[in-house]
C-alpha atoms as a PDB file:
ATOM      1  CA  MET A   1      69.200  71.217 -54.037  1.00  0.00           C
ATOM      2  CA  GLY A   2      71.889  72.338 -56.477  1.00  0.00           C
ATOM      3  CA  VAL A   3      71.550  72.616 -60.221  1.00  0.00           C
ATOM      4  CA  LEU A   4      74.275  70.071 -60.950  1.00  0.00           C
ATOM      5  CA  THR A   5      74.597  67.899 -57.855  1.00  0.00           C
ATOM      6  CA  ASN A   6      73.377  67.415 -54.303  1.00  0.00           C
ATOM      7  CA  LYS A   7      76.387  67.278 -52.021  1.00  0.00           C
ATOM      8  CA  VAL A   8      75.688  66.123 -48.467  1.00  0.00           C
ATOM      9  CA  GLY A   9      77.570  65.490 -45.245  1.00  0.00           C
ATOM     10  CA  ARG A  10      77.946  62.033 -43.759  1.00  0.00           C
ATOM     11  CA  ASP A  11      75.833  63.004 -40.779  1.00  0.00           C
ATOM     12  CA  GLU A  12      72.928  63.710 -43.152  1.00  0.00           C
ATOM     13  CA  LEU A  13      72.782  60.163 -44.532  1.00  0.00           C
ATOM     14  CA  LYS A  14      69.959  57.776 -43.706  1.00  0.00           C
ATOM     15  CA  PRO A  15      70.064  53.999 -44.284  1.00  0.00           C
ATOM     16  CA  GLY A  16      68.417  53.384 -47.635  1.00  0.00           C
ATOM     17  CA  ASP A  17      69.780  56.532 -49.285  1.00  0.00           C
ATOM     18  CA  HIS A  18      71.030  56.325 -52.862  1.00  0.00           C
ATOM     19  CA  ILE A  19      74.457  57.948 -52.850  1.00  0.00           C
ATOM     20  CA  TYR A  20      77.127  58.622 -55.440  1.00  0.00           C
ATOM     21  CA  THR A  21      80.581  60.080 -55.870  1.00  0.00           C
ATOM     22  CA  TYR A  22      82.546  61.259 -58.873  1.00  0.00           C
ATOM     23  CA  ARG A  23      85.515  59.454 -60.365  1.00  0.00           C
ATOM     24  CA  ALA A  24      88.289  60.527 -62.778  1.00  0.00           C
ATOM     25  CA  VAL A  25      87.911  64.271 -62.208  1.00  0.00           C
ATOM     26  CA  PHE A  26      84.111  64.283 -62.602  1.00  0.00           C
ATOM     27  CA  ALA A  27      84.229  62.168 -65.772  1.00  0.00           C
ATOM     28  CA  TYR A  28      81.621  59.787 -64.363  1.00  0.00           C
ATOM     29  CA  SER A  29      79.898  58.960 -61.085  1.00  0.00           C
ATOM     30  CA  HIS A  30      79.747  55.741 -59.097  1.00  0.00           C
ATOM     31  CA  HIS A  31      76.487  54.889 -57.309  1.00  0.00           C
ATOM     32  CA  GLY A  32      75.467  52.725 -54.379  1.00  0.00           C
ATOM     33  CA  VAL A  33      72.957  52.271 -51.564  1.00  0.00           C
ATOM     34  CA  PHE A  34      73.910  53.312 -48.042  1.00  0.00           C
ATOM     35  CA  VAL A  35      72.706  50.571 -45.686  1.00  0.00           C
ATOM     36  CA  GLY A  36      73.878  52.040 -42.382  1.00  0.00           C
ATOM     37  CA  GLY A  37      76.862  51.313 -40.182  1.00  0.00           C
ATOM     38  CA  CYS A  38      79.190  53.179 -42.598  1.00  0.00           C
ATOM     39  CA  LYS A  39      78.473  50.499 -45.225  1.00  0.00           C
ATOM     40  CA  VAL A  40      77.453  50.794 -48.883  1.00  0.00           C
ATOM     41  CA  VAL A  41      76.152  48.109 -51.242  1.00  0.00           C
ATOM     42  CA  HIS A  42      77.097  48.849 -54.847  1.00  0.00           C
ATOM     43  CA  PHE A  43      77.519  47.187 -58.238  1.00  0.00           C
ATOM     44  CA  LYS A  44      80.664  47.138 -60.344  1.00  0.00           C
ATOM     45  CA  PRO A  45      82.158  45.128 -63.201  1.00  0.00           C
ATOM     46  CA  GLU A  46      83.154  41.699 -61.933  1.00  0.00           C
ATOM     47  CA  HIS A  47      86.494  41.819 -63.760  1.00  0.00           C
ATOM     48  CA  SER A  48      87.563  44.750 -61.567  1.00  0.00           C
ATOM     49  CA  LEU A  49      87.393  42.502 -58.526  1.00  0.00           C
ATOM     50  CA  ILE A  50      89.781  39.850 -57.298  1.00  0.00           C
ATOM     51  CA  SER A  51      88.599  36.493 -58.597  1.00  0.00           C
ATOM     52  CA  PRO A  52      87.054  34.032 -56.125  1.00  0.00           C
ATOM     53  CA  THR A  53      89.908  31.618 -56.855  1.00  0.00           C
ATOM     54  CA  LEU A  54      92.552  34.132 -55.813  1.00  0.00           C
ATOM     55  CA  ALA A  55      90.505  35.174 -52.810  1.00  0.00           C
ATOM     56  CA  SER A  56      90.037  31.598 -51.602  1.00  0.00           C
ATOM     57  CA  SER A  57      93.725  30.771 -52.057  1.00  0.00           C
ATOM     58  CA  SER A  58      94.690  33.716 -49.864  1.00  0.00           C
ATOM     59  CA  SER A  59      92.155  32.946 -47.154  1.00  0.00           C
ATOM     60  CA  SER A  60      92.220  30.226 -44.551  1.00  0.00           C
ATOM     61  CA  SER A  61      88.442  30.179 -44.402  1.00  0.00           C
ATOM     62  CA  SER A  62      86.572  27.320 -46.084  1.00  0.00           C
ATOM     63  CA  SER A  63      83.482  29.494 -46.681  1.00  0.00           C
ATOM     64  CA  SER A  64      82.121  29.583 -50.236  1.00  0.00           C
ATOM     65  CA  VAL A  65      81.617  33.336 -49.901  1.00  0.00           C
ATOM     66  CA  SER A  66      84.597  35.420 -50.906  1.00  0.00           C
ATOM     67  CA  GLU A  67      85.381  38.629 -49.087  1.00  0.00           C
ATOM     68  CA  VAL A  68      87.477  40.577 -51.564  1.00  0.00           C
ATOM     69  CA  ASN A  69      88.462  44.112 -52.396  1.00  0.00           C
ATOM     70  CA  ASP A  70      89.093  46.003 -55.593  1.00  0.00           C
ATOM     71  CA  SER A  71      92.228  44.549 -57.171  1.00  0.00           C
ATOM     72  CA  SER A  72      93.779  48.013 -57.381  1.00  0.00           C
ATOM     73  CA  GLU A  73      93.570  48.579 -53.622  1.00  0.00           C
ATOM     74  CA  ALA A  74      94.991  47.165 -50.423  1.00  0.00           C
ATOM     75  CA  PRO A  75      92.510  45.479 -48.053  1.00  0.00           C
ATOM     76  CA  CYS A  76      90.493  47.886 -45.937  1.00  0.00           C
ATOM     77  CA  PRO A  77      92.303  48.412 -42.611  1.00  0.00           C
ATOM     78  CA  THR A  78      89.147  49.476 -40.767  1.00  0.00           C
ATOM     79  CA  PHE A  79      86.378  47.010 -41.627  1.00  0.00           C
ATOM     80  CA  PRO A  80      87.197  43.302 -42.101  1.00  0.00           C
ATOM     81  CA  ASP A  81      83.994  42.743 -44.097  1.00  0.00           C
ATOM     82  CA  CYS A  82      84.679  45.606 -46.511  1.00  0.00           C
ATOM     83  CA  GLY A  83      84.758  44.075 -49.993  1.00  0.00           C
ATOM     84  CA  TYR A  84      82.391  41.225 -49.135  1.00  0.00           C
ATOM     85  CA  LYS A  85      80.794  39.699 -52.220  1.00  0.00           C
ATOM     86  CA  GLN A  86      79.485  36.423 -53.551  1.00  0.00           C
ATOM     87  CA  PRO A  87      81.561  34.533 -56.137  1.00  0.00           C
ATOM     88  CA  LYS A  88      80.923  35.639 -59.726  1.00  0.00           C
ATOM     89  CA  SER A  89      78.921  38.651 -58.589  1.00  0.00           C
ATOM     90  CA  GLY A  90      79.583  42.342 -59.056  1.00  0.00           C
ATOM     91  CA  VAL A  91      77.477  43.386 -56.046  1.00  0.00           C
ATOM     92  CA  VAL A  92      79.834  44.404 -53.254  1.00  0.00           C
ATOM     93  CA  LEU A  93      79.592  45.585 -49.647  1.00  0.00           C
ATOM     94  CA  SER A  94      82.123  48.351 -48.955  1.00  0.00           C
ATOM     95  CA  CYS A  95      82.738  50.809 -46.196  1.00  0.00           C
ATOM     96  CA  LEU A  96      81.887  54.410 -47.006  1.00  0.00           C
ATOM     97  CA  ASP A  97      85.547  55.456 -47.160  1.00  0.00           C
ATOM     98  CA  CYS A  98      86.450  52.776 -49.700  1.00  0.00           C
ATOM     99  CA  PHE A  99      83.343  53.570 -51.732  1.00  0.00           C
ATOM    100  CA  LEU A 100      84.160  57.278 -51.888  1.00  0.00           C
ATOM    101  CA  LYS A 101      87.915  56.831 -52.516  1.00  0.00           C
ATOM    102  CA  LYS A 102      88.485  60.307 -51.055  1.00  0.00           C
ATOM    103  CA  GLY A 103      85.804  61.766 -53.309  1.00  0.00           C
ATOM    104  CA  SER A 104      82.915  63.946 -52.180  1.00  0.00           C
ATOM    105  CA  LEU A 105      79.556  62.494 -51.135  1.00  0.00           C
ATOM    106  CA  TYR A 106      76.308  63.208 -53.001  1.00  0.00           C
ATOM    107  CA  ARG A 107      72.744  62.002 -52.495  1.00  0.00           C
ATOM    108  CA  PHE A 108      70.545  61.099 -55.456  1.00  0.00           C
ATOM    109  CA  GLU A 109      67.126  62.779 -55.354  1.00  0.00           C
ATOM    110  CA  TYR A 110      63.796  60.998 -55.896  1.00  0.00           C
ATOM    111  CA  GLY A 111      60.348  62.324 -56.664  1.00  0.00           C
ATOM    112  CA  VAL A 112      61.609  65.629 -58.093  1.00  0.00           C
ATOM    113  CA  SER A 113      59.308  67.728 -60.233  1.00  0.00           C
ATOM    114  CA  SER A 114      59.681  67.832 -64.009  1.00  0.00           C
ATOM    115  CA  SER A 115      60.942  71.417 -63.834  1.00  0.00           C
ATOM    116  CA  ILE A 116      63.652  70.506 -61.319  1.00  0.00           C
ATOM    117  CA  PHE A 117      64.661  67.460 -63.377  1.00  0.00           C
ATOM    118  CA  LEU A 118      65.102  69.591 -66.482  1.00  0.00           C
ATOM    119  CA  THR A 119      67.336  72.074 -64.642  1.00  0.00           C
ATOM    120  CA  ARG A 120      69.745  69.276 -63.760  1.00  0.00           C
ATOM    121  CA  PHE A 121      71.842  69.516 -66.905  1.00  0.00           C
ATOM    122  CA  ARG A 122      73.986  66.568 -65.870  1.00  0.00           C
ATOM    123  CA  GLY A 123      72.300  63.162 -65.750  1.00  0.00           C
ATOM    124  CA  GLY A 124      72.603  60.697 -62.899  1.00  0.00           C
ATOM    125  CA  THR A 125      71.602  63.065 -60.094  1.00  0.00           C
ATOM    126  CA  CYS A 126      67.817  62.723 -59.747  1.00  0.00           C
ATOM    127  CA  THR A 127      64.619  61.122 -61.030  1.00  0.00           C
ATOM    128  CA  THR A 128      60.932  61.963 -61.050  1.00  0.00           C
ATOM    129  CA  ALA A 129      60.168  58.444 -59.776  1.00  0.00           C
ATOM    130  CA  PRO A 130      59.355  58.204 -56.057  1.00  0.00           C
ATOM    131  CA  SER A 131      61.430  56.080 -53.725  1.00  0.00           C
ATOM    132  CA  ASP A 132      59.988  53.091 -51.924  1.00  0.00           C
ATOM    133  CA  PRO A 133      60.218  52.961 -48.095  1.00  0.00           C
ATOM    134  CA  LEU A 134      63.823  52.903 -46.895  1.00  0.00           C
ATOM    135  CA  GLN A 135      63.493  49.490 -45.239  1.00  0.00           C
ATOM    136  CA  THR A 136      62.339  48.043 -48.566  1.00  0.00           C
ATOM    137  CA  VAL A 137      65.344  49.642 -50.263  1.00  0.00           C
ATOM    138  CA  ILE A 138      67.748  48.095 -47.737  1.00  0.00           C
ATOM    139  CA  HIS A 139      66.061  44.695 -48.113  1.00  0.00           C
ATOM    140  CA  ARG A 140      66.549  44.777 -51.884  1.00  0.00           C
ATOM    141  CA  ALA A 141      70.196  45.821 -51.594  1.00  0.00           C
ATOM    142  CA  MET A 142      71.045  43.095 -49.083  1.00  0.00           C
ATOM    143  CA  HIS A 143      69.137  40.474 -51.084  1.00  0.00           C
ATOM    144  CA  LEU A 144      71.071  41.395 -54.230  1.00  0.00           C
ATOM    145  CA  LEU A 145      74.329  41.283 -52.278  1.00  0.00           C
ATOM    146  CA  GLN A 146      73.633  37.597 -51.714  1.00  0.00           C
ATOM    147  CA  ASN A 147      72.052  36.818 -55.099  1.00  0.00           C
ATOM    148  CA  GLY A 148      73.678  39.157 -57.615  1.00  0.00           C
ATOM    149  CA  PHE A 149      72.325  41.644 -60.146  1.00  0.00           C
ATOM    150  CA  GLY A 150      73.243  39.961 -63.406  1.00  0.00           C
ATOM    151  CA  ASN A 151      76.011  41.017 -65.749  1.00  0.00           C
ATOM    152  CA  TYR A 152      77.369  44.545 -65.644  1.00  0.00           C
ATOM    153  CA  ASP A 153      76.707  46.648 -68.745  1.00  0.00           C
ATOM    154  CA  VAL A 154      77.779  50.273 -68.884  1.00  0.00           C
ATOM    155  CA  PHE A 155      74.658  51.355 -70.816  1.00  0.00           C
ATOM    156  CA  GLN A 156      71.945  48.945 -69.657  1.00  0.00           C
ATOM    157  CA  ASN A 157      72.909  47.499 -66.266  1.00  0.00           C
ATOM    158  CA  ASN A 158      75.375  49.648 -64.363  1.00  0.00           C
ATOM    159  CA  CYS A 159      75.870  50.895 -60.806  1.00  0.00           C
ATOM    160  CA  GLU A 160      73.207  53.593 -61.179  1.00  0.00           C
ATOM    161  CA  ASP A 161      70.733  51.044 -62.563  1.00  0.00           C
ATOM    162  CA  PHE A 162      71.417  48.908 -59.488  1.00  0.00           C
ATOM    163  CA  ALA A 163      70.737  51.745 -57.060  1.00  0.00           C
ATOM    164  CA  LEU A 164      67.634  52.854 -58.987  1.00  0.00           C
ATOM    165  CA  TYR A 165      66.219  49.335 -58.833  1.00  0.00           C
ATOM    166  CA  CYS A 166      66.906  49.106 -55.093  1.00  0.00           C
ATOM    167  CA  LYS A 167      65.087  52.406 -54.554  1.00  0.00           C
ATOM    168  CA  THR A 168      62.101  51.812 -56.844  1.00  0.00           C
ATOM    169  CA  GLY A 169      61.870  48.109 -57.755  1.00  0.00           C
ATOM    170  CA  LEU A 170      61.372  49.142 -61.381  1.00  0.00           C
ATOM    171  CA  LEU A 171      62.795  47.279 -64.371  1.00  0.00           C
ATOM    172  CA  ILE A 172      62.595  48.151 -68.054  1.00  0.00           C
ATOM    173  CA  LEU A 173      60.843  45.662 -70.336  1.00  0.00           C
ATOM    174  CA  ASP A 174      62.677  46.594 -73.531  1.00  0.00           C
ATOM    175  CA  LYS A 175      66.274  45.419 -73.170  1.00  0.00           C
ATOM    176  CA  ASN A 176      67.192  46.921 -76.561  1.00  0.00           C
ATOM    177  CA  GLY A 177      66.825  50.505 -75.416  1.00  0.00           C
ATOM    178  CA  VAL A 178      68.727  52.615 -72.906  1.00  0.00           C
ATOM    179  CA  GLY A 179      68.645  51.463 -69.289  1.00  0.00           C
ATOM    180  CA  ARG A 180      67.437  53.328 -66.217  1.00  0.00           C
ATOM    181  CA  SER A 181      70.740  55.151 -65.735  1.00  0.00           C
ATOM    182  CA  GLY A 182      70.671  58.924 -66.098  1.00  0.00           C
ATOM    183  CA  GLN A 183      74.378  58.894 -66.918  1.00  0.00           C
ATOM    184  CA  ALA A 184      73.790  56.564 -69.876  1.00  0.00           C
ATOM    185  CA  SER A 185      70.929  58.759 -71.048  1.00  0.00           C
ATOM    186  CA  SER A 186      73.219  61.785 -70.912  1.00  0.00           C
ATOM    187  CA  ILE A 187      75.951  60.079 -72.916  1.00  0.00           C
ATOM    188  CA  LEU A 188      73.500  59.011 -75.603  1.00  0.00           C
ATOM    189  CA  GLY A 189      71.335  62.126 -75.424  1.00  0.00           C
ATOM    190  CA  ALA A 190      74.029  64.720 -76.131  1.00  0.00           C
ATOM    191  CA  PRO A 191      75.029  63.397 -79.585  1.00  0.00           C
ATOM    192  CA  LEU A 192      71.369  62.856 -80.449  1.00  0.00           C
ATOM    193  CA  ALA A 193      70.484  66.424 -79.521  1.00  0.00           C
ATOM    194  CA  ALA A 194      73.398  67.757 -81.564  1.00  0.00           C
ATOM    195  CA  LEU A 195      72.343  65.659 -84.532  1.00  0.00           C
ATOM    196  CA  LEU A 196      68.709  66.753 -84.372  1.00  0.00           C
ATOM    197  CA  SER A 197      69.564  70.402 -83.964  1.00  0.00           C
ATOM    198  CA  SER A 198      72.217  70.564 -86.699  1.00  0.00           C
ATOM    199  CA  PRO A 199      69.699  71.439 -89.483  1.00  0.00           C
ATOM    200  CA  LEU A 200      68.627  74.406 -87.368  1.00  0.00           C
ATOM    201  CA  THR A 201      71.942  76.122 -88.022  1.00  0.00           C
ATOM    202  CA  LEU A 202      70.519  76.984 -91.436  1.00  0.00           C
ATOM    203  CA  LEU A 203      67.444  78.563 -89.867  1.00  0.00           C
ATOM    204  CA  ILE A 204      68.956  80.152 -86.769  1.00  0.00           C
ATOM    205  CA  PRO A 205      71.988  82.263 -87.655  1.00  0.00           C
ATOM    206  CA  ASN A 206      72.732  83.091 -84.017  1.00  0.00           C
ATOM    207  CA  PRO A 207      75.066  80.445 -82.463  1.00  0.00           C
ATOM    208  CA  VAL A 208      73.605  81.163 -79.035  1.00  0.00           C
ATOM    209  CA  GLY A 209      70.147  80.305 -80.335  1.00  0.00           C
ATOM    210  CA  VAL A 210      71.366  77.018 -81.792  1.00  0.00           C
ATOM    211  CA  ALA A 211      73.129  76.162 -78.540  1.00  0.00           C
ATOM    212  CA  THR A 212      69.955  76.901 -76.581  1.00  0.00           C
ATOM    213  CA  VAL A 213      67.858  74.663 -78.822  1.00  0.00           C
ATOM    214  CA  THR A 214      70.450  71.882 -78.614  1.00  0.00           C
ATOM    215  CA  ALA A 215      70.520  72.108 -74.811  1.00  0.00           C
ATOM    216  CA  GLY A 216      66.736  71.956 -74.716  1.00  0.00           C
ATOM    217  CA  MET A 217      66.658  68.852 -76.914  1.00  0.00           C
ATOM    218  CA  TYR A 218      69.325  67.250 -74.744  1.00  0.00           C
ATOM    219  CA  CYS A 219      67.327  67.842 -71.559  1.00  0.00           C
ATOM    220  CA  MET A 220      64.121  66.556 -73.140  1.00  0.00           C
ATOM    221  CA  SER A 221      65.867  63.405 -74.382  1.00  0.00           C
ATOM    222  CA  ARG A 222      67.030  62.725 -70.818  1.00  0.00           C
ATOM    223  CA  TYR A 223      63.562  63.398 -69.454  1.00  0.00           C
ATOM    224  CA  ALA A 224      61.974  60.972 -71.927  1.00  0.00           C
ATOM    225  CA  THR A 225      64.193  58.138 -70.650  1.00  0.00           C
ATOM    226  CA  ASP A 226      63.636  58.839 -66.948  1.00  0.00           C
ATOM    227  CA  ILE A 227      62.029  55.866 -65.184  1.00  0.00           C
ATOM    228  CA  GLY A 228      59.486  58.159 -63.590  1.00  0.00           C
ATOM    229  CA  VAL A 229      57.855  58.957 -66.954  1.00  0.00           C
ATOM    230  CA  ARG A 230      58.561  55.841 -69.036  1.00  0.00           C
ATOM    231  CA  ASN A 231      55.667  53.476 -69.770  1.00  0.00           C
ATOM    232  CA  ASP A 232      57.825  50.409 -70.433  1.00  0.00           C
ATOM    233  CA  VAL A 233      58.781  49.726 -66.808  1.00  0.00           C
ATOM    234  CA  ILE A 234      57.339  47.206 -64.380  1.00  0.00           C
ATOM    235  CA  LYS A 235      57.659  46.655 -60.645  1.00  0.00           C
ATOM    236  CA  VAL A 236      59.474  43.398 -59.893  1.00  0.00           C
ATOM    237  CA  PRO A 237      59.849  41.913 -56.401  1.00  0.00           C
ATOM    238  CA  VAL A 238      63.513  41.366 -55.630  1.00  0.00           C
ATOM    239  CA  GLU A 239      62.828  37.729 -54.817  1.00  0.00           C
ATOM    240  CA  ASP A 240      61.747  37.213 -58.434  1.00  0.00           C
ATOM    241  CA  LEU A 241      64.841  38.825 -59.861  1.00  0.00           C
ATOM    242  CA  ALA A 242      67.034  35.907 -60.876  1.00  0.00           C
ATOM    243  CA  LEU A 243      70.779  36.405 -61.355  1.00  0.00           C
ATOM    244  CA  ASN A 244      70.648  36.367 -65.156  1.00  0.00           C
ATOM    245  CA  LEU A 245      66.931  36.922 -65.694  1.00  0.00           C
ATOM    246  CA  GLY A 246      66.338  37.858 -69.349  1.00  0.00           C
ATOM    247  CA  PHE A 247      63.711  40.436 -70.167  1.00  0.00           C
ATOM    248  CA  LYS A 248      62.026  38.107 -72.657  1.00  0.00           C
ATOM    249  CA  THR A 249      61.612  35.577 -69.875  1.00  0.00           C
ATOM    250  CA  LEU A 250      60.442  38.323 -67.567  1.00  0.00           C
ATOM    251  CA  LYS A 251      57.706  39.384 -69.986  1.00  0.00           C
ATOM    252  CA  ARG A 252      56.666  35.795 -70.586  1.00  0.00           C
ATOM    253  CA  ASN A 253      56.415  35.051 -66.864  1.00  0.00           C
ATOM    254  CA  ARG A 254      54.877  38.358 -65.844  1.00  0.00           C
ATOM    255  CA  LYS A 255      51.521  36.779 -65.036  1.00  0.00           C
ATOM    256  CA  ALA A 256      53.176  33.882 -63.259  1.00  0.00           C
ATOM    257  CA  PHE A 257      54.990  36.349 -61.009  1.00  0.00           C
ATOM    258  CA  GLY A 258      51.806  38.335 -60.458  1.00  0.00           C
ATOM    259  CA  ILE A 259      53.550  41.490 -61.686  1.00  0.00           C
ATOM    260  CA  SER A 260      51.421  44.392 -62.837  1.00  0.00           C
ATOM    261  CA  ILE A 261      52.414  46.979 -65.420  1.00  0.00           C
ATOM    262  CA  SER A 262      50.785  49.697 -63.360  1.00  0.00           C
ATOM    263  CA  ARG A 263      52.939  51.516 -60.849  1.00  0.00           C
END
């Protein structure tokens, strides 16, 4: 396990693994769930996909399910079902090559210790939460491929949130806060840490000391938002996860669903 990432070879993958790759020269990472057969189920903004109308007009099939690819790419020459998605859904089935886009392959780690989590300076690489059995993970991913995962939101409902839910079944009750994504926590945590540590420049004359304190605050802010330690998450069966299920509705119907706060 590396300090920043966990690069793996394709032969090391198991169906049900949460994988990711970096985009735009390591500016951000894109996450998905490997489901076997060189296929990945992942979540992306719907507007980055060819619309169902365009897809249906270019297809001779009368099926209501559109099989489309990213609008910036040519159709996959290897797998005919690469790009499969439901209309108005951002959950897509892609082959591993199209998912990676020539990037390197990394595997997200689950059930890491607090000390290991804190050494991962970059968010979006691991969580202290344990993974559910791999068959359960695959079931969730394939169910969401057919039923959607709601609207994409870069801070509260992104590709990492999708993969984390598939692996753990956990959702956050408070929709006003940061989501499950470690990347989002990193983006929000760095300015917060800098803000909180700025008064310390008056007390700690050494710039190295200030930088160390700021880094520590940053890591702790990420740790506090990790789904493995948060107390505002609940386990939700994928069958009860409606396409646009609001968290207020979720809290109101928690008893009706038979969902327990305990994990």
